[in-house]
Amino acid sequence: MVATLELPEDRRGKILVLAEDLLQNLGYELADLEFSQSDEGSILRLFIDKEGGVTLDDCTHVSRMLGALLDVEDPIAGRYNLEISSPGLNRRLRRVQDFESRIGETIKIKLVQPLDGRRRFKGVLQAVQAEPLTVTVAVDGEEYIVPLDESSRCNLVYKFGN
């Protein structure tokens, strides 16, 4: 069983700053960061992206560079495994710029607290507002303004073919 954990905000912030600075210098973008606990131990997972996509060699290179930096800076108490991955086709959307670049595409949202009696929305992203983070999504001919918080989950829905 794997449980997603929240890092203390100061530690998460330090990892974000270290990772984003390094990735920018290497020509990558930090798409997402997760910290989880399983029976095998803790996992710090970073999802990276770049123009044209991410290869296995990219993940290996970033893992070596970031691993060495995190070993020196030591932002996480205890042992953990570092994993570097591509965000994939059904990438998670979190930041305003993630949503802005995907307007007109199909997204899937899962809420903790229901909105209009529903927790799941799948439709076309129409708009995004930064403060507080909300998205407008068209579902079956109706538009919903959906507030997103830290516990919400939103993913891009990739469509194969036409």
Protein backbone atom coordinates (compact mmCIF):
# COMPACT_ATOMS: atom_id res chain seq x y z
CA MET A 1 0.00 0.00 0.00
CA VAL A 2 1.27 3.47 -0.94
CA ALA A 3 0.20 6.59 0.95
CA THR A 4 0.90 10.08 -0.36
CA LEU A 5 2.41 12.20 2.37
CA GLU A 6 2.71 15.93 2.72
CA LEU A 7 6.17 17.18 3.46
CA PRO A 8 6.37 20.02 5.96
CA GLU A 9 6.00 23.26 3.97
CA ASP A 10 9.55 24.46 4.72
CA ARG A 11 11.06 21.17 3.48
CA ARG A 12 8.80 21.03 0.42
CA GLY A 13 9.71 24.64 -0.37
CA LYS A 14 13.42 23.91 -0.07
CA ILE A 15 13.14 20.90 -2.39
CA LEU A 16 11.13 22.94 -4.90
CA VAL A 17 13.71 25.74 -4.95
CA LEU A 18 16.65 23.33 -5.29
CA ALA A 19 14.94 21.23 -7.96
CA GLU A 20 13.56 24.11 -10.02
CA ASP A 21 16.90 25.95 -10.05
CA LEU A 22 18.83 22.83 -11.09
CA LEU A 23 16.26 21.76 -13.67
CA GLN A 24 16.12 25.21 -15.24
CA ASN A 25 19.91 25.22 -15.58
CA LEU A 26 19.73 21.77 -17.22
CA GLY A 27 16.94 22.80 -19.62
CA TYR A 28 14.03 21.03 -17.92
CA GLU A 29 10.83 22.07 -16.15
CA LEU A 30 9.52 20.63 -12.90
CA ALA A 31 6.02 19.39 -13.73
CA ASP A 32 5.14 17.85 -10.36
CA LEU A 33 6.54 16.60 -7.06
CA GLU A 34 5.18 13.84 -4.82
CA PHE A 35 6.34 12.34 -1.56
CA SER A 36 4.90 8.96 -0.59
CA GLN A 37 5.36 6.15 1.88
CA SER A 38 5.03 2.45 1.08
CA ASP A 39 6.00 -0.79 2.77
CA GLU A 40 9.40 -0.48 1.05
CA GLY A 41 10.10 3.04 2.38
CA SER A 42 9.74 6.70 1.43
CA ILE A 43 9.79 7.90 -2.18
CA LEU A 44 10.48 11.41 -3.46
CA ARG A 45 9.14 11.45 -7.02
CA LEU A 46 9.73 14.34 -9.41
CA PHE A 47 8.12 14.63 -12.81
CA ILE A 48 10.17 16.59 -15.33
CA ASP A 49 9.36 17.90 -18.78
CA LYS A 50 11.07 19.65 -21.69
CA GLU A 51 10.22 20.70 -25.22
CA GLY A 52 9.97 17.54 -27.30
CA GLY A 53 9.44 15.25 -24.30
CA VAL A 54 11.60 13.43 -21.79
CA THR A 55 13.71 10.34 -22.47
CA LEU A 56 15.09 7.68 -20.13
CA ASP A 57 18.52 9.29 -20.53
CA ASP A 58 17.05 12.62 -19.38
CA CYS A 59 15.61 10.97 -16.26
CA THR A 60 18.91 9.24 -15.51
CA HIS A 61 20.90 12.46 -15.94
CA VAL A 62 18.53 14.49 -13.72
CA SER A 63 18.47 11.72 -11.11
CA ARG A 64 22.25 11.76 -10.80
CA MET A 65 22.51 15.54 -10.66
CA LEU A 66 19.57 16.12 -8.32
CA GLY A 67 20.47 13.14 -6.14
CA ALA A 68 23.94 14.56 -5.52
CA LEU A 69 22.47 17.99 -4.71
CA LEU A 70 19.88 16.56 -2.31
CA ASP A 71 22.56 14.47 -0.59
CA VAL A 72 24.52 17.66 0.14
CA GLU A 73 21.53 19.85 1.09
CA ASP A 74 19.72 17.02 2.98
CA PRO A 75 16.18 18.51 2.94
CA ILE A 76 14.44 15.24 3.97
CA ALA A 77 15.05 13.56 7.30
CA GLY A 78 15.63 9.83 7.04
CA ARG A 79 16.06 7.52 4.09
CA TYR A 80 14.12 7.81 0.87
CA ASN A 81 14.34 6.78 -2.77
CA LEU A 82 14.51 9.43 -5.48
CA GLU A 83 12.54 8.77 -8.67
CA ILE A 84 12.57 10.96 -11.77
CA SER A 85 9.89 10.48 -14.39
CA SER A 86 8.07 12.07 -17.30
CA PRO A 87 4.64 13.47 -16.41
CA GLY A 88 3.17 11.24 -19.13
CA LEU A 89 0.26 11.81 -21.49
CA ASN A 90 -2.35 12.05 -18.72
CA ARG A 91 -0.23 14.49 -16.76
CA ARG A 92 -1.43 16.04 -13.55
CA LEU A 93 -2.31 19.73 -13.71
CA ARG A 94 -1.58 21.84 -10.62
CA ARG A 95 -0.30 25.29 -11.43
CA VAL A 96 -2.06 28.17 -13.18
CA GLN A 97 0.35 27.91 -16.12
CA ASP A 98 -0.44 24.17 -16.43
CA PHE A 99 -4.11 25.04 -16.94
CA GLU A 100 -3.51 28.09 -19.13
CA SER A 101 -1.51 26.03 -21.62
CA ARG A 102 -4.28 23.37 -21.80
CA ILE A 103 -7.38 25.53 -22.44
CA GLY A 104 -9.55 23.74 -25.00
CA GLU A 105 -8.34 20.29 -23.98
CA THR A 106 -10.20 17.60 -22.03
CA ILE A 107 -9.46 17.33 -18.32
CA LYS A 108 -10.63 15.11 -15.48
CA ILE A 109 -11.15 16.55 -11.99
CA LYS A 110 -11.67 14.66 -8.74
CA LEU A 111 -12.78 16.71 -5.72
CA VAL A 112 -12.74 15.78 -2.04
CA GLN A 113 -15.81 17.92 -1.32
CA PRO A 114 -18.71 17.65 -3.79
CA LEU A 115 -19.80 20.56 -5.96
CA ASP A 116 -23.43 20.55 -7.12
CA GLY A 117 -23.69 16.97 -5.84
CA ARG A 118 -20.73 15.62 -7.79
CA ARG A 119 -17.09 14.96 -7.08
CA ARG A 120 -15.94 14.03 -10.59
CA PHE A 121 -15.92 16.23 -13.66
CA LYS A 122 -14.65 15.31 -17.13
CA GLY A 123 -14.92 17.93 -19.83
CA VAL A 124 -13.25 20.65 -21.86
CA LEU A 125 -11.22 23.25 -19.98
CA GLN A 126 -12.65 26.67 -20.81
CA ALA A 127 -10.86 29.08 -18.45
CA VAL A 128 -8.68 29.38 -15.35
CA GLN A 129 -8.54 31.92 -12.54
CA ALA A 130 -5.47 32.22 -10.31
CA GLU A 131 -6.71 33.48 -6.91
CA PRO A 132 -8.28 31.33 -5.65
CA LEU A 133 -7.45 28.64 -8.21
CA THR A 134 -10.63 27.78 -10.10
CA VAL A 135 -11.25 26.33 -13.54
CA THR A 136 -14.26 26.54 -15.81
CA VAL A 137 -14.99 23.21 -17.43
CA ALA A 138 -17.72 22.34 -19.97
CA VAL A 139 -19.34 19.01 -19.15
CA ASP A 140 -22.21 17.67 -21.29
CA GLY A 141 -23.22 21.14 -22.46
CA GLU A 142 -23.06 22.75 -19.00
CA GLU A 143 -20.27 24.93 -17.63
CA TYR A 144 -19.04 24.45 -14.07
CA ILE A 145 -16.71 26.74 -12.16
CA VAL A 146 -14.71 24.28 -10.08
CA PRO A 147 -12.55 25.43 -7.14
CA LEU A 148 -9.30 23.50 -6.85
CA ASP A 149 -7.43 23.10 -3.59
CA GLU A 150 -4.46 21.00 -2.49
CA SER A 151 -6.63 17.92 -2.04
CA SER A 152 -8.21 18.12 -5.50
CA ARG A 153 -6.76 16.12 -8.36
CA CYS A 154 -6.86 17.22 -11.98
CA ASN A 155 -5.38 15.38 -14.95
CA LEU A 156 -5.16 15.94 -18.65
CA VAL A 157 -7.12 13.34 -20.63
CA TYR A 158 -5.14 12.30 -23.67
CA LYS A 159 -7.17 11.21 -26.68
CA PHE A 160 -5.58 8.76 -29.09
CA GLY A 161 -6.34 9.31 -32.78
CA ASN A 162 -9.17 11.57 -33.86
